[in-house]
Amino acid sequence: MKIVVCVKYVPDATGDRGFNDDGTTDRESVDSLLSELDEYAIEQALKIVESGVEAEITYLTVGPDDAKDALRKALAMGGDNAIHVNDDDIAGTDALGTSLILAKAIEDAGFDLVVCGMASTDASMGVVPAMLAERLGVPQVTYLDEITVEGAGKGGGVVKGRREGDVATELIEASLPAVVSVTDRTGEARYPSFKGIMAAKKKTVVSKDLDDLGIESDEVGLSAAWSVVDTATKRPPRAKGEVVEDEGEGGVQLAAFLAAKKFI
């Protein structure tokens, strides 16, 4: 069985993130790292193998040179190999273009199951897994809190999962091959061990560009994006809070303040 886990190298959410003049994300002025939500996808793929399913785990990312750091961390957690798609013409690509690149790379690598996080921590769109399933022509089972695989091998098997909703818990299954996405409620992802970090240095990371995947440069990039950032304004600095001097009327003043702000 072949499992492909899609991961993303994203700007640190604790940093001062912003945009370039062309509306693309400014990735130079802030440190980047493996998207935290993708760590849950990695964990679930590793647990499938640990449950006794014989599988090869391949990590896949699309990004600049430094995106290899995300792959190395994933490989340090476990797994077998990785694919890095890197091309200057990819800059500015939106979710549609990204799903095209990922789908071509996944088809090229071969797959039985594709595992994604529920969203990236930079764009937070959460639509790429569904787009991937459409492009690959396979079922999608998204926003799962738990996944298992049964009967995998020789073109058969199913993936099962639990999805927690506001009013109900759904138990869902799909025939393989399939695309799934997992939430941050699947349980904490493991930390890379020293042994895992050292082993990751010896694991294969294959680099590919658009030509390798048979994608024309005008199919991706900012010029081909269906969604762009037109303008962006930084959040204003936090204003000084109002201090209520309580001399017996503090409760009344607090209630008046909340009412004025339409909180009550």
C-alpha atoms as a PDB file:
ATOM      1  CA  MET A   1       0.000   0.000   0.000  1.00  0.00           C
ATOM      2  CA  LYS A   2       1.202   3.524  -0.780  1.00  0.00           C
ATOM      3  CA  ILE A   3       0.279   6.431   1.506  1.00  0.00           C
ATOM      4  CA  VAL A   4       1.032  10.002   0.403  1.00  0.00           C
ATOM      5  CA  VAL A   5       0.874  12.696   3.086  1.00  0.00           C
ATOM      6  CA  CYS A   6       0.628  16.293   1.831  1.00  0.00           C
ATOM      7  CA  VAL A   7       2.456  18.791   4.036  1.00  0.00           C
ATOM      8  CA  LYS A   8       3.067  22.528   3.773  1.00  0.00           C
ATOM      9  CA  TYR A   9       5.893  24.860   4.765  1.00  0.00           C
ATOM     10  CA  VAL A  10       4.186  27.932   6.225  1.00  0.00           C
ATOM     11  CA  PRO A  11       5.125  31.226   7.936  1.00  0.00           C
ATOM     12  CA  ASP A  12       5.209  30.928  11.718  1.00  0.00           C
ATOM     13  CA  ALA A  13       1.775  31.951  13.010  1.00  0.00           C
ATOM     14  CA  THR A  14       3.405  33.662  15.997  1.00  0.00           C
ATOM     15  CA  GLY A  15       5.433  35.957  13.720  1.00  0.00           C
ATOM     16  CA  ASP A  16       4.482  39.312  12.240  1.00  0.00           C
ATOM     17  CA  ARG A  17       3.066  38.059   8.941  1.00  0.00           C
ATOM     18  CA  GLY A  18       2.254  40.320   6.016  1.00  0.00           C
ATOM     19  CA  PHE A  19       1.989  40.639   2.244  1.00  0.00           C
ATOM     20  CA  ASN A  20       4.261  41.712  -0.582  1.00  0.00           C
ATOM     21  CA  ASP A  21       3.305  44.539  -2.948  1.00  0.00           C
ATOM     22  CA  ASP A  22       1.834  42.020  -5.433  1.00  0.00           C
ATOM     23  CA  GLY A  23      -0.503  40.555  -2.783  1.00  0.00           C
ATOM     24  CA  THR A  24       1.482  37.371  -2.215  1.00  0.00           C
ATOM     25  CA  THR A  25       2.469  36.255   1.267  1.00  0.00           C
ATOM     26  CA  ASP A  26       5.708  37.767   2.545  1.00  0.00           C
ATOM     27  CA  ARG A  27       7.760  34.685   3.397  1.00  0.00           C
ATOM     28  CA  GLU A  28      11.136  36.421   3.681  1.00  0.00           C
ATOM     29  CA  SER A  29      10.573  38.536   6.795  1.00  0.00           C
ATOM     30  CA  VAL A  30       9.284  35.733   9.046  1.00  0.00           C
ATOM     31  CA  ASP A  31      10.513  32.273   9.957  1.00  0.00           C
ATOM     32  CA  SER A  32       8.657  29.318   8.439  1.00  0.00           C
ATOM     33  CA  LEU A  33       8.014  25.766   9.599  1.00  0.00           C
ATOM     34  CA  LEU A  34       5.967  22.632   8.986  1.00  0.00           C
ATOM     35  CA  SER A  35       2.264  23.490   9.310  1.00  0.00           C
ATOM     36  CA  GLU A  36       1.104  22.312  12.727  1.00  0.00           C
ATOM     37  CA  LEU A  37      -2.163  20.948  11.328  1.00  0.00           C
ATOM     38  CA  ASP A  38      -0.219  18.733   8.923  1.00  0.00           C
ATOM     39  CA  GLU A  39       1.521  17.059  11.863  1.00  0.00           C
ATOM     40  CA  TYR A  40      -1.808  15.400  12.692  1.00  0.00           C
ATOM     41  CA  ALA A  41      -1.951  13.974   9.162  1.00  0.00           C
ATOM     42  CA  ILE A  42       1.576  12.615   9.582  1.00  0.00           C
ATOM     43  CA  GLU A  43       0.633  11.056  12.911  1.00  0.00           C
ATOM     44  CA  GLN A  44      -2.410   9.314  11.465  1.00  0.00           C
ATOM     45  CA  ALA A  45      -0.411   7.879   8.556  1.00  0.00           C
ATOM     46  CA  LEU A  46       2.188   6.518  10.977  1.00  0.00           C
ATOM     47  CA  LYS A  47      -0.532   5.000  13.161  1.00  0.00           C
ATOM     48  CA  ILE A  48      -1.983   3.178  10.145  1.00  0.00           C
ATOM     49  CA  VAL A  49       1.383   1.505   9.611  1.00  0.00           C
ATOM     50  CA  GLU A  50       1.759   0.811  13.342  1.00  0.00           C
ATOM     51  CA  SER A  51      -1.650  -0.890  13.332  1.00  0.00           C
ATOM     52  CA  GLY A  52      -0.212  -3.613  11.109  1.00  0.00           C
ATOM     53  CA  VAL A  53      -1.005  -2.284   7.628  1.00  0.00           C
ATOM     54  CA  GLU A  54       1.969  -2.816   5.328  1.00  0.00           C
ATOM     55  CA  ALA A  55       2.503   0.558   3.680  1.00  0.00           C
ATOM     56  CA  GLU A  56       5.106   2.960   2.338  1.00  0.00           C
ATOM     57  CA  ILE A  57       4.700   6.558   3.502  1.00  0.00           C
ATOM     58  CA  THR A  58       5.754   9.361   1.157  1.00  0.00           C
ATOM     59  CA  TYR A  59       5.605  13.037   2.151  1.00  0.00           C
ATOM     60  CA  LEU A  60       4.850  15.629  -0.516  1.00  0.00           C
ATOM     61  CA  THR A  61       5.263  19.395  -0.407  1.00  0.00           C
ATOM     62  CA  VAL A  62       5.174  22.291  -2.877  1.00  0.00           C
ATOM     63  CA  GLY A  63       7.363  25.245  -2.019  1.00  0.00           C
ATOM     64  CA  PRO A  64      10.727  27.041  -2.191  1.00  0.00           C
ATOM     65  CA  ASP A  65      14.124  25.554  -1.326  1.00  0.00           C
ATOM     66  CA  ASP A  66      13.588  25.928   2.417  1.00  0.00           C
ATOM     67  CA  ALA A  67      10.431  23.796   2.232  1.00  0.00           C
ATOM     68  CA  LYS A  68      12.731  20.782   2.498  1.00  0.00           C
ATOM     69  CA  ASP A  69      12.906  21.595   6.216  1.00  0.00           C
ATOM     70  CA  ALA A  70       9.240  20.613   6.526  1.00  0.00           C
ATOM     71  CA  LEU A  71       9.932  17.322   4.763  1.00  0.00           C
ATOM     72  CA  ARG A  72      12.922  16.573   6.971  1.00  0.00           C
ATOM     73  CA  LYS A  73      10.853  17.116  10.119  1.00  0.00           C
ATOM     74  CA  ALA A  74       8.133  14.826   8.749  1.00  0.00           C
ATOM     75  CA  LEU A  75      10.731  12.166   7.928  1.00  0.00           C
ATOM     76  CA  ALA A  76      12.184  12.543  11.426  1.00  0.00           C
ATOM     77  CA  MET A  77       8.756  11.654  12.830  1.00  0.00           C
ATOM     78  CA  GLY A  78       8.693   8.510  10.639  1.00  0.00           C
ATOM     79  CA  GLY A  79       7.901   7.485   7.083  1.00  0.00           C
ATOM     80  CA  ASP A  80      10.041   6.399   4.163  1.00  0.00           C
ATOM     81  CA  ASN A  81      10.727   9.133   1.581  1.00  0.00           C
ATOM     82  CA  ALA A  82       9.626  12.542   0.326  1.00  0.00           C
ATOM     83  CA  ILE A  83       8.942  14.565  -2.813  1.00  0.00           C
ATOM     84  CA  HIS A  84       9.655  18.289  -3.085  1.00  0.00           C
ATOM     85  CA  VAL A  85       8.077  20.204  -5.971  1.00  0.00           C
ATOM     86  CA  ASN A  86       9.985  23.440  -6.476  1.00  0.00           C
ATOM     87  CA  ASP A  87       9.819  25.810  -9.443  1.00  0.00           C
ATOM     88  CA  ASP A  88      10.105  29.596  -9.705  1.00  0.00           C
ATOM     89  CA  ASP A  89       6.893  29.709 -11.757  1.00  0.00           C
ATOM     90  CA  ILE A  90       4.884  28.327  -8.819  1.00  0.00           C
ATOM     91  CA  ALA A  91       5.107  31.572  -6.814  1.00  0.00           C
ATOM     92  CA  GLY A  92       1.682  33.091  -6.201  1.00  0.00           C
ATOM     93  CA  THR A  93      -0.241  29.901  -6.993  1.00  0.00           C
ATOM     94  CA  ASP A  94      -3.690  29.685  -5.355  1.00  0.00           C
ATOM     95  CA  ALA A  95      -5.533  26.604  -4.049  1.00  0.00           C
ATOM     96  CA  LEU A  96      -6.672  25.515  -7.513  1.00  0.00           C
ATOM     97  CA  GLY A  97      -3.159  25.627  -8.903  1.00  0.00           C
ATOM     98  CA  THR A  98      -1.740  23.950  -5.829  1.00  0.00           C
ATOM     99  CA  SER A  99      -4.223  21.087  -6.132  1.00  0.00           C
ATOM    100  CA  LEU A 100      -3.165  20.615  -9.762  1.00  0.00           C
ATOM    101  CA  ILE A 101       0.513  20.387  -8.840  1.00  0.00           C
ATOM    102  CA  LEU A 102      -0.167  18.024  -5.937  1.00  0.00           C
ATOM    103  CA  ALA A 103      -2.433  15.801  -8.036  1.00  0.00           C
ATOM    104  CA  LYS A 104       0.165  15.457 -10.805  1.00  0.00           C
ATOM    105  CA  ALA A 105       2.885  14.636  -8.277  1.00  0.00           C
ATOM    106  CA  ILE A 106       0.652  12.094  -6.512  1.00  0.00           C
ATOM    107  CA  GLU A 107      -0.271  10.396  -9.772  1.00  0.00           C
ATOM    108  CA  ASP A 108       3.394  10.269 -10.693  1.00  0.00           C
ATOM    109  CA  ALA A 109       4.321   8.682  -7.346  1.00  0.00           C
ATOM    110  CA  GLY A 110       1.372   6.280  -7.207  1.00  0.00           C
ATOM    111  CA  PHE A 111      -1.019   6.104  -4.261  1.00  0.00           C
ATOM    112  CA  ASP A 112      -3.695   4.161  -2.430  1.00  0.00           C
ATOM    113  CA  LEU A 113      -4.420   6.766   0.244  1.00  0.00           C
ATOM    114  CA  VAL A 114      -3.734  10.514   0.395  1.00  0.00           C
ATOM    115  CA  VAL A 115      -3.773  12.074   3.875  1.00  0.00           C
ATOM    116  CA  CYS A 116      -3.991  15.854   4.437  1.00  0.00           C
ATOM    117  CA  GLY A 117      -4.421  18.176   7.369  1.00  0.00           C
ATOM    118  CA  MET A 118      -7.811  19.873   7.563  1.00  0.00           C
ATOM    119  CA  ALA A 119      -6.289  23.218   6.451  1.00  0.00           C
ATOM    120  CA  SER A 120      -2.994  25.075   6.302  1.00  0.00           C
ATOM    121  CA  THR A 121      -2.169  27.522   9.071  1.00  0.00           C
ATOM    122  CA  ASP A 122      -1.442  30.344   6.613  1.00  0.00           C
ATOM    123  CA  ALA A 123      -4.325  30.405   4.108  1.00  0.00           C
ATOM    124  CA  SER A 124      -6.715  28.325   6.293  1.00  0.00           C
ATOM    125  CA  MET A 125      -8.945  27.502   3.304  1.00  0.00           C
ATOM    126  CA  GLY A 126      -9.364  23.754   3.862  1.00  0.00           C
ATOM    127  CA  VAL A 127     -10.453  23.111   0.257  1.00  0.00           C
ATOM    128  CA  VAL A 128      -7.359  21.475  -1.233  1.00  0.00           C
ATOM    129  CA  PRO A 129      -8.237  17.905  -0.099  1.00  0.00           C
ATOM    130  CA  ALA A 130     -11.607  18.099  -1.891  1.00  0.00           C
ATOM    131  CA  MET A 131      -9.970  19.566  -4.996  1.00  0.00           C
ATOM    132  CA  LEU A 132      -7.379  16.794  -4.903  1.00  0.00           C
ATOM    133  CA  ALA A 133     -10.036  14.095  -4.761  1.00  0.00           C
ATOM    134  CA  GLU A 134     -11.816  15.643  -7.747  1.00  0.00           C
ATOM    135  CA  ARG A 135      -8.636  15.843  -9.801  1.00  0.00           C
ATOM    136  CA  LEU A 136      -7.623  12.293  -8.897  1.00  0.00           C
ATOM    137  CA  GLY A 137     -11.128  10.921  -9.467  1.00  0.00           C
ATOM    138  CA  VAL A 138     -11.362   9.200  -6.083  1.00  0.00           C
ATOM    139  CA  PRO A 139     -13.658   9.464  -3.013  1.00  0.00           C
ATOM    140  CA  GLN A 140     -12.994  12.129  -0.380  1.00  0.00           C
ATOM    141  CA  VAL A 141     -13.569  11.661   3.351  1.00  0.00           C
ATOM    142  CA  THR A 142     -12.742  14.930   5.076  1.00  0.00           C
ATOM    143  CA  TYR A 143     -12.532  16.473   8.567  1.00  0.00           C
ATOM    144  CA  LEU A 144     -12.051  13.140  10.324  1.00  0.00           C
ATOM    145  CA  ASP A 145     -11.149  12.816  13.993  1.00  0.00           C
ATOM    146  CA  GLU A 146     -10.013   9.210  13.588  1.00  0.00           C
ATOM    147  CA  ILE A 147      -9.053   7.002  10.636  1.00  0.00           C
ATOM    148  CA  THR A 148      -8.389   3.301  10.096  1.00  0.00           C
ATOM    149  CA  VAL A 149      -7.640   1.200   7.014  1.00  0.00           C
ATOM    150  CA  GLU A 150      -8.961  -2.296   6.450  1.00  0.00           C
ATOM    151  CA  GLY A 151      -8.319  -4.861   3.728  1.00  0.00           C
ATOM    152  CA  ALA A 152      -5.634  -2.816   1.958  1.00  0.00           C
ATOM    153  CA  GLY A 153      -3.652  -4.370  -0.849  1.00  0.00           C
ATOM    154  CA  LYS A 154      -4.055  -5.547  -4.437  1.00  0.00           C
ATOM    155  CA  GLY A 155      -6.342  -2.647  -5.341  1.00  0.00           C
ATOM    156  CA  GLY A 156      -8.875  -3.250  -2.575  1.00  0.00           C
ATOM    157  CA  GLY A 157      -9.587  -2.114   0.953  1.00  0.00           C
ATOM    158  CA  VAL A 158     -11.478   0.697   2.654  1.00  0.00           C
ATOM    159  CA  VAL A 159     -10.634   3.695   4.803  1.00  0.00           C
ATOM    160  CA  LYS A 160     -12.950   4.370   7.743  1.00  0.00           C
ATOM    161  CA  GLY A 161     -13.278   7.452   9.890  1.00  0.00           C
ATOM    162  CA  ARG A 162     -15.276   9.334  12.510  1.00  0.00           C
ATOM    163  CA  ARG A 163     -16.438  12.902  11.961  1.00  0.00           C
ATOM    164  CA  GLU A 164     -17.745  14.916  14.907  1.00  0.00           C
ATOM    165  CA  GLY A 165     -20.429  17.436  13.975  1.00  0.00           C
ATOM    166  CA  ASP A 166     -22.432  19.956  15.979  1.00  0.00           C
ATOM    167  CA  VAL A 167     -25.462  17.679  16.236  1.00  0.00           C
ATOM    168  CA  ALA A 168     -24.205  14.206  15.367  1.00  0.00           C
ATOM    169  CA  THR A 169     -21.235  11.864  15.063  1.00  0.00           C
ATOM    170  CA  GLU A 170     -20.823  10.377  11.584  1.00  0.00           C
ATOM    171  CA  LEU A 171     -19.065   7.093  10.862  1.00  0.00           C
ATOM    172  CA  ILE A 172     -17.885   7.182   7.249  1.00  0.00           C
ATOM    173  CA  GLU A 173     -16.021   4.826   4.963  1.00  0.00           C
ATOM    174  CA  ALA A 174     -14.753   4.938   1.392  1.00  0.00           C
ATOM    175  CA  SER A 175     -13.158   2.446  -0.931  1.00  0.00           C
ATOM    176  CA  LEU A 176      -9.470   2.855  -1.696  1.00  0.00           C
ATOM    177  CA  PRO A 177      -7.896   4.723  -3.374  1.00  0.00           C
ATOM    178  CA  ALA A 178      -9.193   7.788  -1.540  1.00  0.00           C
ATOM    179  CA  VAL A 179      -8.282  11.207  -0.124  1.00  0.00           C
ATOM    180  CA  VAL A 180      -8.846  11.984   3.564  1.00  0.00           C
ATOM    181  CA  SER A 181      -8.227  15.009   5.759  1.00  0.00           C
ATOM    182  CA  VAL A 182      -7.883  14.900   9.534  1.00  0.00           C
ATOM    183  CA  THR A 183      -8.587  17.461  12.239  1.00  0.00           C
ATOM    184  CA  ASP A 184      -6.554  18.539  15.251  1.00  0.00           C
ATOM    185  CA  ARG A 185      -8.783  16.361  17.444  1.00  0.00           C
ATOM    186  CA  THR A 186      -7.036  13.134  16.393  1.00  0.00           C
ATOM    187  CA  GLY A 187      -4.594  13.324  19.294  1.00  0.00           C
ATOM    188  CA  GLU A 188      -1.182  14.906  19.794  1.00  0.00           C
ATOM    189  CA  ALA A 189       1.410  14.276  17.119  1.00  0.00           C
ATOM    190  CA  ARG A 190       4.658  12.662  18.227  1.00  0.00           C
ATOM    191  CA  TYR A 191       7.909  14.568  18.627  1.00  0.00           C
ATOM    192  CA  PRO A 192      10.836  13.556  16.414  1.00  0.00           C
ATOM    193  CA  SER A 193      13.321  11.490  18.406  1.00  0.00           C
ATOM    194  CA  PHE A 194      17.088  11.927  18.114  1.00  0.00           C
ATOM    195  CA  LYS A 195      17.239   8.565  16.358  1.00  0.00           C
ATOM    196  CA  GLY A 196      14.494   9.703  13.968  1.00  0.00           C
ATOM    197  CA  ILE A 197      16.289  12.979  13.236  1.00  0.00           C
ATOM    198  CA  MET A 198      19.507  11.154  12.363  1.00  0.00           C
ATOM    199  CA  ALA A 199      17.650   8.584  10.256  1.00  0.00           C
ATOM    200  CA  ALA A 200      15.819  11.332   8.337  1.00  0.00           C
ATOM    201  CA  LYS A 201      19.143  12.608   6.966  1.00  0.00           C
ATOM    202  CA  LYS A 202      19.578   9.341   5.066  1.00  0.00           C
ATOM    203  CA  LYS A 203      16.059   9.184   3.632  1.00  0.00           C
ATOM    204  CA  THR A 204      15.452  10.129   0.013  1.00  0.00           C
ATOM    205  CA  VAL A 205      13.967  13.506  -0.902  1.00  0.00           C
ATOM    206  CA  VAL A 206      13.230  13.690  -4.642  1.00  0.00           C
ATOM    207  CA  SER A 207      13.034  17.140  -6.240  1.00  0.00           C
ATOM    208  CA  LYS A 208      10.665  17.802  -9.153  1.00  0.00           C
ATOM    209  CA  ASP A 209       9.744  20.864 -11.187  1.00  0.00           C
ATOM    210  CA  LEU A 210       6.784  21.707 -13.420  1.00  0.00           C
ATOM    211  CA  ASP A 211       8.391  20.100 -16.473  1.00  0.00           C
ATOM    212  CA  ASP A 212       8.770  16.813 -14.597  1.00  0.00           C
ATOM    213  CA  LEU A 213       5.032  16.850 -13.870  1.00  0.00           C
ATOM    214  CA  GLY A 214       3.954  17.919 -17.360  1.00  0.00           C
ATOM    215  CA  ILE A 215       2.493  21.229 -16.141  1.00  0.00           C
ATOM    216  CA  GLU A 216       2.763  24.400 -18.234  1.00  0.00           C
ATOM    217  CA  SER A 217       3.952  27.513 -16.418  1.00  0.00           C
ATOM    218  CA  ASP A 218       0.813  29.456 -17.440  1.00  0.00           C
ATOM    219  CA  GLU A 219      -1.386  26.929 -15.591  1.00  0.00           C
ATOM    220  CA  VAL A 220      -0.054  28.017 -12.198  1.00  0.00           C
ATOM    221  CA  GLY A 221       1.440  31.066 -10.549  1.00  0.00           C
ATOM    222  CA  LEU A 222      -0.059  34.431  -9.689  1.00  0.00           C
ATOM    223  CA  SER A 223      -1.191  35.160 -13.253  1.00  0.00           C
ATOM    224  CA  ALA A 224      -3.294  31.987 -13.298  1.00  0.00           C
ATOM    225  CA  ALA A 225      -4.740  32.399  -9.787  1.00  0.00           C
ATOM    226  CA  TRP A 226      -8.521  32.569  -9.471  1.00  0.00           C
ATOM    227  CA  SER A 227      -8.240  34.267  -6.082  1.00  0.00           C
ATOM    228  CA  VAL A 228      -5.820  37.099  -5.257  1.00  0.00           C
ATOM    229  CA  VAL A 229      -5.310  39.569  -2.426  1.00  0.00           C
ATOM    230  CA  ASP A 230      -6.399  42.972  -3.716  1.00  0.00           C
ATOM    231  CA  THR A 231      -5.541  45.063  -0.662  1.00  0.00           C
ATOM    232  CA  ALA A 232      -4.495  44.374   2.902  1.00  0.00           C
ATOM    233  CA  THR A 233      -4.427  46.620   5.955  1.00  0.00           C
ATOM    234  CA  LYS A 234      -2.488  45.870   9.123  1.00  0.00           C
ATOM    235  CA  ARG A 235      -4.468  45.472  12.309  1.00  0.00           C
ATOM    236  CA  PRO A 236      -4.374  48.759  14.282  1.00  0.00           C
ATOM    237  CA  PRO A 237      -2.434  48.716  17.573  1.00  0.00           C
ATOM    238  CA  ARG A 238      -4.427  47.774  20.616  1.00  0.00           C
ATOM    239  CA  ALA A 239      -5.991  50.784  22.319  1.00  0.00           C
ATOM    240  CA  LYS A 240      -5.493  51.490  25.997  1.00  0.00           C
ATOM    241  CA  GLY A 241      -8.153  49.853  28.125  1.00  0.00           C
ATOM    242  CA  GLU A 242     -10.614  51.741  30.311  1.00  0.00           C
ATOM    243  CA  VAL A 243     -10.042  51.515  34.054  1.00  0.00           C
ATOM    244  CA  VAL A 244     -13.149  51.407  36.255  1.00  0.00           C
ATOM    245  CA  GLU A 245     -12.629  52.869  39.719  1.00  0.00           C
ATOM    246  CA  ASP A 246     -14.928  50.876  41.986  1.00  0.00           C
ATOM    247  CA  GLU A 247     -16.316  53.094  44.732  1.00  0.00           C
ATOM    248  CA  GLY A 248     -19.561  51.203  45.072  1.00  0.00           C
ATOM    249  CA  GLU A 249     -20.727  51.843  41.510  1.00  0.00           C
ATOM    250  CA  GLY A 250     -18.268  49.543  39.702  1.00  0.00           C
ATOM    251  CA  GLY A 251     -20.926  47.046  38.692  1.00  0.00           C
ATOM    252  CA  VAL A 252     -23.135  49.758  37.225  1.00  0.00           C
ATOM    253  CA  GLN A 253     -20.227  51.256  35.279  1.00  0.00           C
ATOM    254  CA  LEU A 254     -19.236  47.830  33.956  1.00  0.00           C
ATOM    255  CA  ALA A 255     -22.785  47.086  32.842  1.00  0.00           C
ATOM    256  CA  ALA A 256     -23.010  50.475  31.122  1.00  0.00           C
ATOM    257  CA  PHE A 257     -19.704  49.835  29.320  1.00  0.00           C
ATOM    258  CA  LEU A 258     -20.839  46.402  28.094  1.00  0.00           C
ATOM    259  CA  ALA A 259     -24.182  47.814  26.972  1.00  0.00           C
ATOM    260  CA  ALA A 260     -22.484  50.631  25.077  1.00  0.00           C
ATOM    261  CA  LYS A 261     -20.358  48.066  23.228  1.00  0.00           C
ATOM    262  CA  LYS A 262     -23.517  45.980  22.588  1.00  0.00           C
ATOM    263  CA  PHE A 263     -22.137  42.969  24.476  1.00  0.00           C
ATOM    264  CA  ILE A 264     -25.314  42.874  26.551  1.00  0.00           C
END
